[in-house]
């Protein structure tokens, strides 16, 4: 399944500033949103057996032996691992290969018993990544950074969408809907800009969220952090010079921009469950799980293999109670928070999608339709600026006349698609693109699959 992520401008700007800055750690976002680093195995909330076997697997699979290498890989402090390895030495699973003069300068090696134990652990579970966090800690963190704590004002929305062309009434509906904490449905004809507007709502997401690399439940591992979905921001985790873990944040978590996850016509009911890899022995979190703290968009509702009613019924519990239930391979069910703003986008009428009882659970049904004439002109002008095609009022009048002649409504997608074809044609011929009447007719007939018209060669000038 294809997942798309939309970056929030605020977080992107923060990250860009952190990357470009040459100053001290104060230029990076703070780790206030991250839990404190555990100082003992007990404080990780994980079973001692799980942490021990994870360390043995990493040593065996990745060949890591130095204390600080293992600390960086497992995202656990060197002090914690030093204590853990003292226990593993008593169990004759590891030995000290070398101890340097500096604090924490220690190299370990697996014993024969340790290699056997690591091989057995790998046969059950190939997970060798950062140490997971317990499910209870994850649920508490999601609640602490809930997207429901964000409020949207008219001023904020006007600033975020200043460059987005949208009718005033639709703008007000979207602003109010973002404060509702209820599901939102955008409906209307294809090409009206529903998906685009949903994506622009990511501009209103503020703050950062802590996302765990993985979580542990009943001894099972579920990978949560996904670099295709979660955009990490640089953060100062605290002092790294010693093995002391005081005043450090828990590196098992990644501070990220609030995510936006988009699924489309490929979505099935099975994709909303845990995905277990029998060869790897662990799970991948489903898309709405990864969207916690942000926005989850079900795009093109009605184009999935399952019926809209079947798909929407899957969301009744999450929408009403803000939780979801997932099942492990042994049949055990567990509860996870559902803390994402849920958007649906569809070309169908709401009454065709679901019955009245379900539609009541969707707080806002917002119609996205034809643009006004001046809004359409602005979109065409903006697209021309983007493609470096000179805009003229005469060209706009020609395009508007084509809409009238062929009884086509003014949808937001048309200017970009038509100007894009004109730019493609000019690039093919090595010429400067122009928004002439002939080129507009050629692009129109090509785009709408009507009788094609070959543009006159005199309508485009050779690039000097």
Protein backbone atom coordinates (compact mmCIF):
# COMPACT_ATOMS: atom_id res chain seq x y z
CA UNK A 1 0.00 0.00 0.00
CA UNK A 2 1.27 3.46 -0.88
CA UNK A 3 1.57 5.89 1.98
CA UNK A 4 2.20 9.57 1.46
CA UNK A 5 3.51 12.01 3.99
CA UNK A 6 2.92 15.73 3.99
CA UNK A 7 5.35 17.91 5.93
CA UNK A 8 4.12 20.72 8.13
CA UNK A 9 5.75 24.06 7.21
CA UNK A 10 6.48 24.95 10.85
CA UNK A 11 8.36 21.74 11.49
CA UNK A 12 10.13 21.91 8.13
CA UNK A 13 11.35 25.39 8.90
CA UNK A 14 12.59 24.24 12.29
CA UNK A 15 14.48 21.36 10.73
CA UNK A 16 15.98 23.58 8.02
CA UNK A 17 17.18 26.02 10.65
CA UNK A 18 18.71 23.20 12.67
CA UNK A 19 20.55 21.81 9.65
CA UNK A 20 21.88 25.14 8.45
CA UNK A 21 22.88 26.46 11.87
CA UNK A 22 26.51 26.26 12.98
CA UNK A 23 25.81 27.25 16.58
CA UNK A 24 25.49 25.17 19.73
CA UNK A 25 22.85 22.66 20.76
CA UNK A 26 20.50 25.54 21.62
CA UNK A 27 19.73 25.86 17.87
CA UNK A 28 18.00 22.49 17.89
CA UNK A 29 14.49 21.73 19.14
CA UNK A 30 14.46 20.74 22.78
CA UNK A 31 13.54 17.24 23.93
CA UNK A 32 10.80 18.46 26.28
CA UNK A 33 8.26 16.31 24.45
CA UNK A 34 10.37 13.16 24.91
CA UNK A 35 10.29 10.95 28.01
CA UNK A 36 13.36 10.79 30.24
CA UNK A 37 15.92 8.11 29.44
CA UNK A 38 15.56 4.94 31.53
CA UNK A 39 18.50 4.35 33.89
CA UNK A 40 17.80 0.68 34.59
CA UNK A 41 16.31 -2.25 32.71
CA UNK A 42 13.30 -2.04 35.04
CA UNK A 43 12.69 1.58 34.01
CA UNK A 44 12.47 0.56 30.34
CA UNK A 45 9.24 -1.28 31.22
CA UNK A 46 10.49 -4.28 29.22
CA UNK A 47 11.09 -7.85 30.41
CA UNK A 48 14.72 -8.56 31.26
CA UNK A 49 14.66 -11.56 28.91
CA UNK A 50 13.56 -9.43 25.95
CA UNK A 51 16.26 -6.78 26.49
CA UNK A 52 18.93 -9.46 27.05
CA UNK A 53 18.06 -11.39 23.90
CA UNK A 54 17.82 -8.17 21.87
CA UNK A 55 21.36 -7.23 22.90
CA UNK A 56 22.65 -10.72 22.07
CA UNK A 57 20.96 -10.65 18.67
CA UNK A 58 22.46 -7.26 17.82
CA UNK A 59 25.93 -8.44 18.78
CA UNK A 60 25.54 -11.62 16.72
CA UNK A 61 23.73 -10.12 13.70
CA UNK A 62 25.56 -6.80 13.39
CA UNK A 63 28.90 -7.67 14.93
CA UNK A 64 28.74 -4.74 17.37
CA UNK A 65 30.98 -5.20 20.38
CA UNK A 66 31.84 -1.77 21.81
CA UNK A 67 29.63 -0.47 24.61
CA UNK A 68 28.98 2.89 22.94
CA UNK A 69 28.22 1.25 19.55
CA UNK A 70 25.66 -0.99 21.21
CA UNK A 71 24.23 1.97 23.12
CA UNK A 72 23.78 3.99 19.92
CA UNK A 73 22.15 1.06 18.10
CA UNK A 74 19.81 -0.03 20.90
CA UNK A 75 19.01 3.58 21.93
CA UNK A 76 19.72 2.64 25.54
CA UNK A 77 22.27 4.42 27.72
CA UNK A 78 25.73 2.97 28.14
CA UNK A 79 25.20 2.91 31.91
CA UNK A 80 22.09 0.77 31.54
CA UNK A 81 23.84 -1.63 29.15
CA UNK A 82 26.87 -1.81 31.42
CA UNK A 83 24.61 -3.10 34.18
CA UNK A 84 22.81 -5.45 31.79
CA UNK A 85 26.08 -6.88 30.51
CA UNK A 86 27.23 -7.54 34.07
CA UNK A 87 24.17 -9.81 34.34
CA UNK A 88 24.93 -11.45 30.96
CA UNK A 89 28.50 -12.12 32.10
CA UNK A 90 27.20 -13.92 35.16
CA UNK A 91 25.07 -16.01 32.82
CA UNK A 92 28.29 -16.76 30.83
CA UNK A 93 26.67 -15.36 27.68
CA UNK A 94 29.31 -12.69 27.05
CA UNK A 95 32.90 -11.89 28.06
CA UNK A 96 34.92 -8.69 28.16
CA UNK A 97 37.27 -8.58 25.19
CA UNK A 98 38.99 -5.31 26.06
CA UNK A 99 38.64 -2.60 28.67
CA UNK A 100 40.19 0.81 27.97
CA UNK A 101 41.32 3.52 30.33
CA UNK A 102 38.32 5.79 29.71
CA UNK A 103 34.91 5.42 31.31
CA UNK A 104 32.72 3.24 29.08
CA UNK A 105 35.55 2.17 26.78
CA UNK A 106 34.67 -1.51 26.90
CA UNK A 107 34.40 -4.17 24.20
CA UNK A 108 32.47 -7.39 24.68
CA UNK A 109 32.29 -10.67 22.84
CA UNK A 110 29.76 -13.48 22.75
CA UNK A 111 30.65 -16.78 24.33
CA UNK A 112 29.73 -20.03 22.61
CA UNK A 113 26.69 -20.24 24.88
CA UNK A 114 25.87 -16.63 23.98
CA UNK A 115 26.08 -17.31 20.24
CA UNK A 116 23.78 -20.31 20.65
CA UNK A 117 21.33 -18.22 22.65
CA UNK A 118 21.41 -15.44 20.05
CA UNK A 119 20.79 -17.91 17.21
CA UNK A 120 17.81 -19.37 19.07
CA UNK A 121 16.40 -15.88 19.67
CA UNK A 122 16.86 -14.96 16.00
CA UNK A 123 14.98 -18.08 14.94
CA UNK A 124 11.95 -16.73 16.82
CA UNK A 125 12.30 -13.05 15.99
CA UNK A 126 14.71 -11.28 13.62
CA UNK A 127 14.08 -7.85 15.11
CA UNK A 128 17.46 -6.24 15.83
CA UNK A 129 16.54 -2.57 15.92
CA UNK A 130 16.29 -0.02 18.72
CA UNK A 131 14.77 -1.27 21.97
CA UNK A 132 10.97 -0.98 21.94
CA UNK A 133 8.79 0.84 24.43
CA UNK A 134 5.87 -0.78 26.31
CA UNK A 135 2.37 -0.32 24.91
CA UNK A 136 1.25 1.52 28.07
CA UNK A 137 4.04 4.09 27.68
CA UNK A 138 3.08 4.60 24.04
CA UNK A 139 -0.58 5.16 24.91
CA UNK A 140 0.35 7.69 27.60
CA UNK A 141 2.64 9.59 25.23
CA UNK A 142 -0.01 9.76 22.49
CA UNK A 143 -2.46 11.22 24.99
CA UNK A 144 0.10 13.77 26.18
CA UNK A 145 0.76 15.04 22.64
CA UNK A 146 -2.78 14.59 21.32
CA UNK A 147 -3.76 16.35 18.13
CA UNK A 148 -7.02 17.22 19.93
CA UNK A 149 -5.17 19.82 22.00
CA UNK A 150 -4.60 21.95 18.91
CA UNK A 151 -7.04 24.73 18.19
CA UNK A 152 -7.38 26.56 14.89
CA UNK A 153 -8.37 30.21 14.66
CA UNK A 154 -9.38 32.19 11.60
CA UNK A 155 -6.11 34.13 11.76
CA UNK A 156 -4.06 30.93 11.81
CA UNK A 157 -6.00 29.44 8.92
CA UNK A 158 -5.73 32.60 6.83
CA UNK A 159 -1.97 32.66 7.36
CA UNK A 160 -1.51 28.96 6.59
CA UNK A 161 -3.71 29.01 3.48
CA UNK A 162 -2.81 32.47 2.23
CA UNK A 163 -1.59 31.06 -1.10
CA UNK A 164 -4.38 28.50 -1.47
CA UNK A 165 -7.33 29.49 -3.64
CA UNK A 166 -10.53 28.35 -1.94
CA UNK A 167 -14.00 29.81 -1.56
CA UNK A 168 -14.62 31.76 1.66
CA UNK A 169 -17.45 29.50 2.80
CA UNK A 170 -15.32 26.39 2.30
CA UNK A 171 -12.43 28.03 4.16
CA UNK A 172 -14.70 28.71 7.13
CA UNK A 173 -16.08 25.18 7.09
CA UNK A 174 -12.58 23.69 7.10
CA UNK A 175 -11.46 25.96 9.92
CA UNK A 176 -14.41 25.03 12.09
CA UNK A 177 -14.02 21.34 11.24
CA UNK A 178 -10.39 21.35 12.39
CA UNK A 179 -11.64 22.32 15.87
CA UNK A 180 -14.34 19.65 16.01
CA UNK A 181 -12.26 16.51 16.72
CA UNK A 182 -14.72 14.68 14.47
CA UNK A 183 -14.34 12.96 11.12
CA UNK A 184 -14.53 15.20 8.06
CA UNK A 185 -15.80 14.28 4.59
CA UNK A 186 -14.93 16.32 1.51
CA UNK A 187 -17.13 15.41 -1.45
CA UNK A 188 -17.65 16.71 -4.95
CA UNK A 189 -16.83 16.01 -8.60
CA UNK A 190 -13.39 14.75 -9.70
CA UNK A 191 -10.83 17.49 -10.16
CA UNK A 192 -12.48 19.97 -7.80
CA UNK A 193 -9.46 19.91 -5.46
CA UNK A 194 -10.66 17.75 -2.55
CA UNK A 195 -7.43 15.85 -2.02
CA UNK A 196 -5.37 19.02 -2.45
CA UNK A 197 -7.38 20.80 0.25
CA UNK A 198 -7.02 17.85 2.62
CA UNK A 199 -3.27 17.96 2.10
CA UNK A 200 -3.22 21.67 2.86
CA UNK A 201 -4.72 20.99 6.28
CA UNK A 202 -1.29 19.67 7.26
CA UNK A 203 -0.16 23.33 7.24
CA UNK A 204 -2.31 23.82 10.35
CA UNK A 205 -0.59 21.09 12.35
CA UNK A 206 1.67 22.58 15.00
CA UNK A 207 4.21 21.15 17.39
CA UNK A 208 6.08 17.86 17.34
CA UNK A 209 5.21 14.31 18.33
CA UNK A 210 7.36 11.59 19.85
CA UNK A 211 7.18 8.36 17.83
CA UNK A 212 8.73 5.11 19.13
CA UNK A 213 10.90 3.01 16.88
CA UNK A 214 8.87 0.01 18.04
CA UNK A 215 6.50 -1.05 20.80
CA UNK A 216 6.29 -4.28 22.79
CA UNK A 217 3.10 -6.10 23.71
CA UNK A 218 3.02 -9.59 25.25
CA UNK A 219 6.57 -10.20 24.08
CA UNK A 220 5.74 -9.29 20.46
CA UNK A 221 7.41 -6.41 18.58
CA UNK A 222 5.54 -3.91 16.40
CA UNK A 223 7.55 -1.45 14.30
CA UNK A 224 5.98 2.00 14.40
CA UNK A 225 8.50 4.59 13.18
CA UNK A 226 8.47 4.70 9.39
CA UNK A 227 10.85 7.11 7.62
CA UNK A 228 8.41 7.25 4.68
CA UNK A 229 5.75 8.61 7.02
CA UNK A 230 7.52 10.21 9.97
CA UNK A 231 9.77 13.21 9.31
CA UNK A 232 12.30 13.35 12.14
CA UNK A 233 13.59 16.65 13.50
CA UNK A 234 16.98 17.13 15.07
CA UNK A 235 16.89 17.23 18.83
CA UNK A 236 19.42 17.53 21.60
CA UNK A 237 19.02 14.36 23.68
CA UNK A 238 21.38 15.60 26.39
CA UNK A 239 25.02 14.94 27.29
CA UNK A 240 26.75 12.10 25.46
CA UNK A 241 30.26 12.40 26.77
CA UNK A 242 29.84 9.95 29.64
CA UNK A 243 27.87 6.78 30.28
CA UNK A 244 25.63 8.67 32.71
CA UNK A 245 22.00 8.79 31.53
CA UNK A 246 20.79 11.56 33.84
CA UNK A 247 19.24 14.60 32.15
CA UNK A 248 18.94 12.74 28.85
CA UNK A 249 15.80 12.02 26.85
CA UNK A 250 14.76 8.52 25.87
CA UNK A 251 16.38 7.85 22.49
CA UNK A 252 13.96 4.98 21.83
CA UNK A 253 11.62 7.77 20.71
CA UNK A 254 12.03 9.96 17.63
CA UNK A 255 10.83 13.55 17.71
CA UNK A 256 8.90 14.10 14.46
CA UNK A 257 6.70 16.52 12.64
CA UNK A 258 3.04 15.67 12.97
CA UNK A 259 2.40 13.17 10.17
CA UNK A 260 -0.15 13.12 7.40
CA UNK A 261 -0.86 9.68 5.97
CA UNK A 262 -2.85 9.26 2.75
CA UNK A 263 -4.31 5.98 1.50
CA UNK A 264 -6.29 5.64 -1.70
CA UNK A 265 -8.07 3.12 -3.86
CA UNK A 266 -5.63 0.36 -2.88
CA UNK A 267 -6.88 0.36 0.73
CA UNK A 268 -8.39 -2.91 1.97
CA UNK A 269 -9.74 -3.92 5.37
CA UNK A 270 -6.74 -6.21 5.89
CA UNK A 271 -4.37 -3.25 5.55
CA UNK A 272 -5.95 -1.71 8.66
CA UNK A 273 -4.79 -4.66 10.77
CA UNK A 274 -1.33 -5.51 12.01
CA UNK A 275 0.91 -6.83 9.24
CA UNK A 276 2.89 -9.83 10.51
CA UNK A 277 5.99 -10.92 8.64
CA UNK A 278 6.44 -14.65 9.36
CA UNK A 279 10.03 -14.61 8.12
CA UNK A 280 11.04 -11.65 10.28
CA UNK A 281 8.88 -12.64 13.25
CA UNK A 282 7.55 -9.17 14.04
CA UNK A 283 4.79 -6.78 12.95
CA UNK A 284 4.42 -3.54 11.02
CA UNK A 285 1.92 -1.00 12.34
CA UNK A 286 -1.03 -0.23 10.03
CA UNK A 287 -1.30 3.24 8.44
CA UNK A 288 -3.80 4.74 10.90
CA UNK A 289 -1.53 3.61 13.74
CA UNK A 290 1.37 5.52 12.16
CA UNK A 291 -0.87 8.57 11.68
CA UNK A 292 -1.41 9.08 15.42
CA UNK A 293 -0.85 12.70 16.34
CA UNK A 294 -1.58 13.91 12.82
CA UNK A 295 -4.00 13.46 9.92
CA UNK A 296 -5.22 10.27 8.27
CA UNK A 297 -6.89 10.67 4.87
CA UNK A 298 -8.89 7.94 3.14
CA UNK A 299 -8.78 9.29 -0.40
CA UNK A 300 -11.00 8.27 -3.33
CA UNK A 301 -13.58 6.65 -1.07
CA UNK A 302 -15.66 4.40 -3.29
CA UNK A 303 -12.77 3.19 -5.48
CA UNK A 304 -11.57 0.51 -3.04
CA UNK A 305 -12.17 -3.18 -3.61
CA UNK A 306 -14.50 -3.23 -0.60
CA UNK A 307 -17.72 -1.23 -0.55
CA UNK A 308 -17.72 2.21 1.09
CA UNK A 309 -20.10 0.93 3.76
CA UNK A 310 -17.77 -1.94 4.67
CA UNK A 311 -14.83 0.43 4.89
CA UNK A 312 -16.70 3.06 6.87
CA UNK A 313 -18.03 0.49 9.32
CA UNK A 314 -14.42 -0.23 10.22
CA UNK A 315 -14.17 3.34 11.55
CA UNK A 316 -17.22 3.40 13.83
CA UNK A 317 -15.33 2.44 17.00
CA UNK A 318 -12.28 4.67 16.36
CA UNK A 319 -14.50 7.66 15.53
CA UNK A 320 -16.70 7.29 18.61
CA UNK A 321 -14.22 6.21 21.26
CA UNK A 322 -10.86 7.37 19.85
CA UNK A 323 -9.40 3.88 20.27
CA UNK A 324 -8.91 0.87 18.02
CA UNK A 325 -8.40 -2.83 18.70
CA UNK A 326 -5.76 -4.90 16.94
CA UNK A 327 -5.04 -8.61 17.18
CA UNK A 328 -1.78 -10.50 17.53
CA UNK A 329 -1.13 -13.78 15.74
CA UNK A 330 -1.95 -15.72 18.95
CA UNK A 331 -5.44 -14.24 18.95
CA UNK A 332 -4.85 -11.77 21.79
CA UNK A 333 -6.42 -8.38 21.21
CA UNK A 334 -5.10 -5.12 22.55
CA UNK A 335 -6.20 -1.51 22.47
CA UNK A 336 -4.32 1.37 20.88
CA UNK A 337 -5.23 5.05 20.88
CA UNK A 338 -6.66 6.49 17.69
CA UNK A 339 -5.54 10.09 17.81
CA UNK A 340 -5.62 11.26 14.21
CA UNK A 341 -7.88 13.71 12.44
CA UNK A 342 -9.81 11.47 10.07
CA UNK A 343 -10.60 12.80 6.59
CA UNK A 344 -12.59 11.11 3.84
CA UNK A 345 -12.50 12.33 0.25
CA UNK A 346 -14.99 11.05 -2.30
CA UNK A 347 -16.52 11.78 -5.70
CA UNK A 348 -19.79 10.27 -4.48
CA UNK A 349 -22.67 11.96 -2.74
CA UNK A 350 -22.70 11.31 1.04
CA UNK A 351 -26.03 9.45 0.78
CA UNK A 352 -24.41 7.05 -1.71
CA UNK A 353 -21.53 6.36 0.66
CA UNK A 354 -23.30 5.51 3.91
CA UNK A 355 -26.65 5.52 5.62
CA UNK A 356 -27.93 8.38 7.74
CA UNK A 357 -26.95 6.71 11.01
CA UNK A 358 -23.30 6.57 9.98
CA UNK A 359 -23.27 10.00 8.37
CA UNK A 360 -24.28 11.49 11.73
CA UNK A 361 -20.93 10.27 13.05
CA UNK A 362 -19.11 12.35 10.43
CA UNK A 363 -19.12 15.82 11.88
CA UNK A 364 -18.63 17.80 8.67
CA UNK A 365 -19.68 17.02 5.10
CA UNK A 366 -18.07 19.75 2.98
CA UNK A 367 -18.90 20.12 -0.70
CA UNK A 368 -16.01 21.11 -2.97
CA UNK A 369 -17.27 22.18 -6.38
CA UNK A 370 -16.74 24.67 -9.17
CA UNK A 371 -14.44 27.66 -8.71
CA UNK A 372 -15.57 31.23 -9.11
CA UNK A 373 -14.37 33.00 -12.26
CA UNK A 374 -11.85 35.24 -10.48
CA UNK A 375 -10.54 32.36 -8.37
CA UNK A 376 -10.07 30.36 -11.56
CA UNK A 377 -8.17 33.30 -13.08
CA UNK A 378 -5.90 33.42 -10.03
CA UNK A 379 -5.16 29.70 -10.25
CA UNK A 380 -4.26 30.03 -13.94
CA UNK A 381 -2.01 33.01 -13.20
CA UNK A 382 -0.25 31.11 -10.35
CA UNK A 383 0.28 28.05 -12.54
CA UNK A 384 1.69 30.20 -15.35
CA UNK A 385 4.15 31.76 -12.89
CA UNK A 386 5.20 28.30 -11.74
CA UNK A 387 5.79 27.06 -15.31
CA UNK A 388 7.26 30.42 -16.40
CA UNK A 389 4.60 30.84 -19.07
CA UNK A 390 3.50 34.46 -19.65
CA UNK A 391 -0.10 35.04 -18.53
CA UNK A 392 -2.44 37.28 -20.51
CA UNK A 393 -6.07 38.24 -20.03
CA UNK A 394 -6.69 37.28 -23.67
CA UNK A 395 -5.48 33.74 -22.96
CA UNK A 396 -7.75 33.51 -19.94
CA UNK A 397 -10.73 34.68 -22.01
CA UNK A 398 -9.91 31.98 -24.58
CA UNK A 399 -9.81 29.30 -21.89
CA UNK A 400 -13.05 30.52 -20.35
CA UNK A 401 -14.71 30.46 -23.78
CA UNK A 402 -13.64 26.81 -24.17
CA UNK A 403 -15.32 26.01 -20.85
CA UNK A 404 -18.53 27.68 -22.00
CA UNK A 405 -18.46 26.07 -25.45
CA UNK A 406 -17.91 22.55 -24.08
CA UNK A 407 -20.03 23.06 -20.94
CA UNK A 408 -17.13 22.26 -18.63
CA UNK A 409 -17.21 23.59 -15.08
CA UNK A 410 -14.29 25.57 -13.68
CA UNK A 411 -12.46 22.95 -11.60
CA UNK A 412 -9.21 23.67 -9.83
CA UNK A 413 -7.25 20.90 -11.54
CA UNK A 414 -7.64 22.13 -15.12
CA UNK A 415 -5.20 25.09 -15.25
CA UNK A 416 -2.24 23.04 -14.02
CA UNK A 417 -3.00 20.13 -16.33
CA UNK A 418 -3.50 22.30 -19.41
CA UNK A 419 -0.52 24.59 -18.86
CA UNK A 420 1.57 21.54 -18.05
CA UNK A 421 0.77 20.06 -21.45
CA UNK A 422 1.69 23.32 -23.16
CA UNK A 423 5.02 23.32 -21.32
CA UNK A 424 5.58 19.68 -22.29
CA UNK A 425 4.94 20.47 -25.97
CA UNK A 426 7.32 23.42 -25.91
CA UNK A 427 10.06 21.38 -24.21
CA UNK A 428 9.64 18.64 -26.83
CA UNK A 429 10.17 21.14 -29.65
CA UNK A 430 12.85 23.11 -27.83
CA UNK A 431 10.76 26.25 -27.79
CA UNK A 432 9.54 28.81 -25.30
CA UNK A 433 6.01 27.93 -24.07
CA UNK A 434 3.28 30.47 -24.78
CA UNK A 435 -0.34 30.60 -23.73
CA UNK A 436 -1.71 31.25 -27.24
CA UNK A 437 -5.18 30.42 -28.46
CA UNK A 438 -3.88 27.61 -30.69
CA UNK A 439 -1.87 26.05 -27.88
CA UNK A 440 -4.83 26.27 -25.49
CA UNK A 441 -7.07 24.57 -28.07
CA UNK A 442 -4.44 21.87 -28.64
CA UNK A 443 -4.07 21.20 -24.91
CA UNK A 444 -7.84 21.26 -24.37
CA UNK A 445 -8.64 18.74 -27.10
CA UNK A 446 -5.73 16.56 -26.08
CA UNK A 447 -6.74 16.62 -22.41
CA UNK A 448 -10.46 16.04 -22.87
CA UNK A 449 -10.00 13.49 -25.69
CA UNK A 450 -11.93 15.48 -28.28
CA UNK A 451 -10.82 16.08 -31.89
CA UNK A 452 -7.12 17.04 -31.73
CA UNK A 453 -5.88 20.24 -33.31
CA UNK A 454 -2.23 20.57 -34.33
CA UNK A 455 -0.89 23.94 -33.10
CA UNK A 456 0.59 26.26 -35.71
CA UNK A 457 4.36 26.46 -35.70
CA UNK A 458 4.17 30.24 -35.61
CA UNK A 459 2.56 30.18 -32.18
CA UNK A 460 5.78 29.30 -30.40
CA UNK A 461 9.08 31.02 -30.78
CA UNK A 462 12.44 29.34 -30.93
CA UNK A 463 14.49 29.78 -27.82
CA UNK A 464 17.44 31.99 -28.49
